[in-house]
Amino acid sequence: MSERRKPHNGRDSSGNFRVKQEDFEDKSTDPEGPELVRDDVRLGGAVADVGPQAGQRGERIQDLVDTNREIVDKTADYNKPL
C-alpha cells in the first residue's frame, strides 16, 4: 500500500508554521484593531503576538493552570470515597 500525501497543516515548505505575526499592544490601541485581529483569526486561523509583552500572557495562563491543578488535587482528596 502506498503512503498517502499528508496535508501541510499550515506549514510552509521548510516545515515552519505560517502564522501572521502582529503586536497586540499596537492593535489594541488602534480603533479598528480588535476587529482586524478577529478577521485575521477567522481567515487564517491564528495570529502570533510578537510584541515586547508577548510572554506575560503565557506566564499568567501557566499560573492559572498550576493553581487550578492544586485546587483539583485538594478537591479529589476531599471527595475520595470512604
N, C-alpha and C. Protein backbone atom coordinates (compact mmCIF):
# COMPACT_ATOMS: atom_id res chain seq x y z
N MET A 1 0.84 -1.16 0.00
CA MET A 1 0.00 0.00 0.00
C MET A 1 0.90 1.24 0.00
N SER A 2 0.62 2.16 -0.87
CA SER A 2 1.46 3.34 -0.97
C SER A 2 1.15 4.32 0.14
N GLU A 3 2.14 5.09 0.49
CA GLU A 3 1.96 6.08 1.55
C GLU A 3 1.29 7.31 0.95
N ARG A 4 0.23 7.75 1.59
CA ARG A 4 -0.50 8.90 1.04
C ARG A 4 0.20 10.19 1.38
N ARG A 5 -0.08 11.21 0.59
CA ARG A 5 0.49 12.52 0.87
C ARG A 5 -0.26 13.15 2.04
N LYS A 6 0.47 13.57 3.03
CA LYS A 6 -0.16 14.16 4.21
C LYS A 6 -0.35 15.66 3.97
N PRO A 7 -1.39 16.25 4.56
CA PRO A 7 -1.61 17.68 4.38
C PRO A 7 -0.53 18.49 5.09
N HIS A 8 -0.35 19.71 4.66
CA HIS A 8 0.70 20.55 5.21
C HIS A 8 0.34 21.16 6.56
N ASN A 9 -0.94 21.18 6.91
CA ASN A 9 -1.41 21.71 8.20
C ASN A 9 -0.89 23.13 8.47
N GLY A 10 -0.86 23.97 7.46
CA GLY A 10 -0.45 25.36 7.64
C GLY A 10 1.04 25.58 7.67
N ARG A 11 1.82 24.59 7.28
CA ARG A 11 3.28 24.75 7.29
C ARG A 11 3.76 25.15 5.90
N ASP A 12 4.87 25.89 5.87
CA ASP A 12 5.46 26.21 4.59
C ASP A 12 6.41 25.09 4.17
N SER A 13 7.09 25.25 3.06
CA SER A 13 7.91 24.16 2.53
C SER A 13 9.11 23.83 3.43
N SER A 14 9.55 24.75 4.29
CA SER A 14 10.66 24.47 5.19
C SER A 14 10.21 23.80 6.49
N GLY A 15 8.89 23.65 6.69
CA GLY A 15 8.38 22.96 7.87
C GLY A 15 7.95 23.88 8.98
N ASN A 16 8.13 25.18 8.81
CA ASN A 16 7.70 26.13 9.84
C ASN A 16 6.23 26.48 9.65
N PHE A 17 5.56 26.77 10.76
CA PHE A 17 4.16 27.18 10.67
C PHE A 17 4.07 28.58 10.07
N ARG A 18 3.12 28.76 9.18
CA ARG A 18 2.87 30.08 8.61
C ARG A 18 1.76 30.72 9.42
N VAL A 19 2.11 31.63 10.29
CA VAL A 19 1.15 32.31 11.14
C VAL A 19 1.42 33.80 11.03
N LYS A 20 0.36 34.57 10.89
CA LYS A 20 0.52 36.01 10.83
C LYS A 20 1.02 36.51 12.17
N GLN A 21 2.03 37.37 12.16
CA GLN A 21 2.62 37.87 13.40
C GLN A 21 2.27 39.34 13.56
N GLU A 22 1.67 39.67 14.69
CA GLU A 22 1.23 41.04 14.99
C GLU A 22 1.61 41.39 16.42
N ASP A 23 1.73 42.67 16.70
CA ASP A 23 1.90 43.15 18.06
C ASP A 23 0.52 43.53 18.59
N PHE A 24 0.01 42.78 19.55
CA PHE A 24 -1.35 43.00 20.04
C PHE A 24 -1.49 44.32 20.78
N GLU A 25 -0.41 44.82 21.37
CA GLU A 25 -0.49 46.11 22.06
C GLU A 25 -0.79 47.22 21.05
N ASP A 26 -0.14 47.18 19.89
CA ASP A 26 -0.42 48.17 18.85
C ASP A 26 -1.84 48.01 18.32
N LYS A 27 -2.27 46.77 18.15
CA LYS A 27 -3.61 46.52 17.63
C LYS A 27 -4.70 46.93 18.62
N SER A 28 -4.44 46.80 19.92
CA SER A 28 -5.47 47.15 20.91
C SER A 28 -5.66 48.65 21.02
N THR A 29 -4.63 49.44 20.72
CA THR A 29 -4.78 50.89 20.77
C THR A 29 -5.42 51.44 19.50
N ASP A 30 -5.36 50.70 18.42
CA ASP A 30 -5.99 51.11 17.16
C ASP A 30 -7.50 50.91 17.27
N PRO A 31 -8.32 51.89 16.87
CA PRO A 31 -9.78 51.73 17.00
C PRO A 31 -10.34 50.52 16.25
N GLU A 32 -9.76 50.18 15.12
CA GLU A 32 -10.25 49.02 14.36
C GLU A 32 -9.40 47.78 14.60
N GLY A 33 -8.45 47.86 15.52
CA GLY A 33 -7.51 46.76 15.77
C GLY A 33 -8.15 45.45 16.17
N PRO A 34 -9.02 45.43 17.20
CA PRO A 34 -9.62 44.14 17.59
C PRO A 34 -10.41 43.49 16.46
N GLU A 35 -11.09 44.28 15.67
CA GLU A 35 -11.85 43.71 14.55
C GLU A 35 -10.90 43.13 13.49
N LEU A 36 -9.77 43.80 13.26
CA LEU A 36 -8.79 43.28 12.30
C LEU A 36 -8.20 41.96 12.77
N VAL A 37 -7.93 41.86 14.07
CA VAL A 37 -7.39 40.60 14.62
C VAL A 37 -8.43 39.50 14.49
N ARG A 38 -9.71 39.81 14.78
CA ARG A 38 -10.77 38.80 14.62
C ARG A 38 -10.85 38.32 13.18
N ASP A 39 -10.74 39.24 12.23
CA ASP A 39 -10.77 38.85 10.82
C ASP A 39 -9.58 37.97 10.46
N ASP A 40 -8.38 38.32 10.98
CA ASP A 40 -7.19 37.51 10.70
C ASP A 40 -7.36 36.10 11.25
N VAL A 41 -7.92 35.99 12.44
CA VAL A 41 -8.12 34.66 13.04
C VAL A 41 -9.17 33.89 12.27
N ARG A 42 -10.22 34.58 11.88
CA ARG A 42 -11.28 33.92 11.12
C ARG A 42 -10.76 33.41 9.78
N LEU A 43 -9.92 34.19 9.11
CA LEU A 43 -9.42 33.81 7.79
C LEU A 43 -8.22 32.87 7.87
N GLY A 44 -7.28 33.16 8.76
CA GLY A 44 -6.04 32.40 8.79
C GLY A 44 -5.96 31.37 9.88
N GLY A 45 -6.76 31.50 10.91
CA GLY A 45 -6.77 30.52 11.98
C GLY A 45 -5.95 30.87 13.20
N ALA A 46 -4.93 31.71 13.05
CA ALA A 46 -4.11 32.06 14.21
C ALA A 46 -3.35 33.34 13.93
N VAL A 47 -3.02 34.03 15.00
CA VAL A 47 -2.16 35.21 14.94
C VAL A 47 -1.21 35.12 16.13
N ALA A 48 0.08 35.30 15.87
CA ALA A 48 1.08 35.23 16.94
C ALA A 48 1.39 36.62 17.45
N ASP A 49 1.45 36.77 18.77
CA ASP A 49 1.81 38.04 19.37
C ASP A 49 3.33 38.11 19.45
N VAL A 50 3.91 39.13 18.82
CA VAL A 50 5.36 39.26 18.80
C VAL A 50 5.81 40.53 19.52
N GLY A 51 4.92 41.14 20.29
CA GLY A 51 5.24 42.37 20.99
C GLY A 51 6.16 42.15 22.17
N PRO A 52 6.60 43.24 22.82
CA PRO A 52 7.53 43.11 23.94
C PRO A 52 6.93 42.40 25.16
N GLN A 53 5.61 42.46 25.36
CA GLN A 53 4.98 41.79 26.49
C GLN A 53 4.26 40.51 26.07
N ALA A 54 4.70 39.89 25.00
CA ALA A 54 4.01 38.72 24.47
C ALA A 54 4.04 37.54 25.43
N GLY A 55 5.12 37.35 26.16
CA GLY A 55 5.23 36.20 27.05
C GLY A 55 4.50 36.34 28.37
N GLN A 56 4.11 37.57 28.74
CA GLN A 56 3.46 37.77 30.02
C GLN A 56 2.10 37.09 30.08
N ARG A 57 1.37 37.09 29.00
CA ARG A 57 0.07 36.41 28.99
C ARG A 57 0.24 34.91 29.18
N GLY A 58 1.25 34.34 28.56
CA GLY A 58 1.52 32.92 28.72
C GLY A 58 1.89 32.56 30.14
N GLU A 59 2.68 33.43 30.79
CA GLU A 59 3.04 33.19 32.19
C GLU A 59 1.82 33.24 33.09
N ARG A 60 0.92 34.17 32.82
CA ARG A 60 -0.32 34.29 33.62
C ARG A 60 -1.19 33.04 33.43
N ILE A 61 -1.29 32.56 32.21
CA ILE A 61 -2.07 31.35 31.94
C ILE A 61 -1.45 30.16 32.65
N GLN A 62 -0.12 30.07 32.64
CA GLN A 62 0.55 28.96 33.33
C GLN A 62 0.29 29.01 34.82
N ASP A 63 0.29 30.22 35.42
CA ASP A 63 -0.03 30.35 36.85
C ASP A 63 -1.46 29.89 37.13
N LEU A 64 -2.40 30.24 36.26
CA LEU A 64 -3.78 29.81 36.45
C LEU A 64 -3.91 28.30 36.34
N VAL A 65 -3.19 27.69 35.41
CA VAL A 65 -3.23 26.24 35.25
C VAL A 65 -2.67 25.56 36.49
N ASP A 66 -1.56 26.07 37.01
CA ASP A 66 -0.96 25.47 38.21
C ASP A 66 -1.89 25.59 39.41
N THR A 67 -2.50 26.76 39.58
CA THR A 67 -3.43 26.97 40.69
C THR A 67 -4.63 26.04 40.57
N ASN A 68 -5.16 25.89 39.36
CA ASN A 68 -6.29 25.01 39.14
C ASN A 68 -5.92 23.56 39.44
N ARG A 69 -4.72 23.16 39.07
CA ARG A 69 -4.28 21.79 39.32
C ARG A 69 -4.21 21.52 40.82
N GLU A 70 -3.72 22.50 41.60
CA GLU A 70 -3.66 22.34 43.05
C GLU A 70 -5.06 22.23 43.65
N ILE A 71 -5.98 23.05 43.19
CA ILE A 71 -7.36 23.02 43.70
C ILE A 71 -8.02 21.69 43.38
N VAL A 72 -7.81 21.19 42.18
CA VAL A 72 -8.41 19.92 41.78
C VAL A 72 -7.84 18.78 42.61
N ASP A 73 -6.54 18.80 42.88
CA ASP A 73 -5.93 17.75 43.70
C ASP A 73 -6.49 17.76 45.12
N LYS A 74 -6.66 18.95 45.69
CA LYS A 74 -7.22 19.05 47.04
C LYS A 74 -8.66 18.56 47.07
N THR A 75 -9.43 18.92 46.07
CA THR A 75 -10.82 18.51 45.98
C THR A 75 -10.94 17.01 45.80
N ALA A 76 -10.04 16.43 45.00
CA ALA A 76 -10.07 14.98 44.76
C ALA A 76 -9.76 14.23 46.05
N ASP A 77 -8.84 14.75 46.85
CA ASP A 77 -8.52 14.11 48.13
C ASP A 77 -9.71 14.21 49.10
N TYR A 78 -10.37 15.34 49.08
CA TYR A 78 -11.52 15.58 49.97
C TYR A 78 -12.70 14.69 49.59
N ASN A 79 -12.91 14.49 48.29
CA ASN A 79 -14.07 13.73 47.81
C ASN A 79 -13.75 12.25 47.58
N LYS A 80 -12.66 11.78 48.12
CA LYS A 80 -12.28 10.38 47.95
C LYS A 80 -13.31 9.48 48.64
N PRO A 81 -13.75 8.41 47.99
CA PRO A 81 -14.74 7.54 48.63
C PRO A 81 -14.19 6.88 49.89
N LEU A 82 -15.07 6.64 50.83
CA LEU A 82 -14.65 6.05 52.11
C LEU A 82 -14.39 4.62 51.99
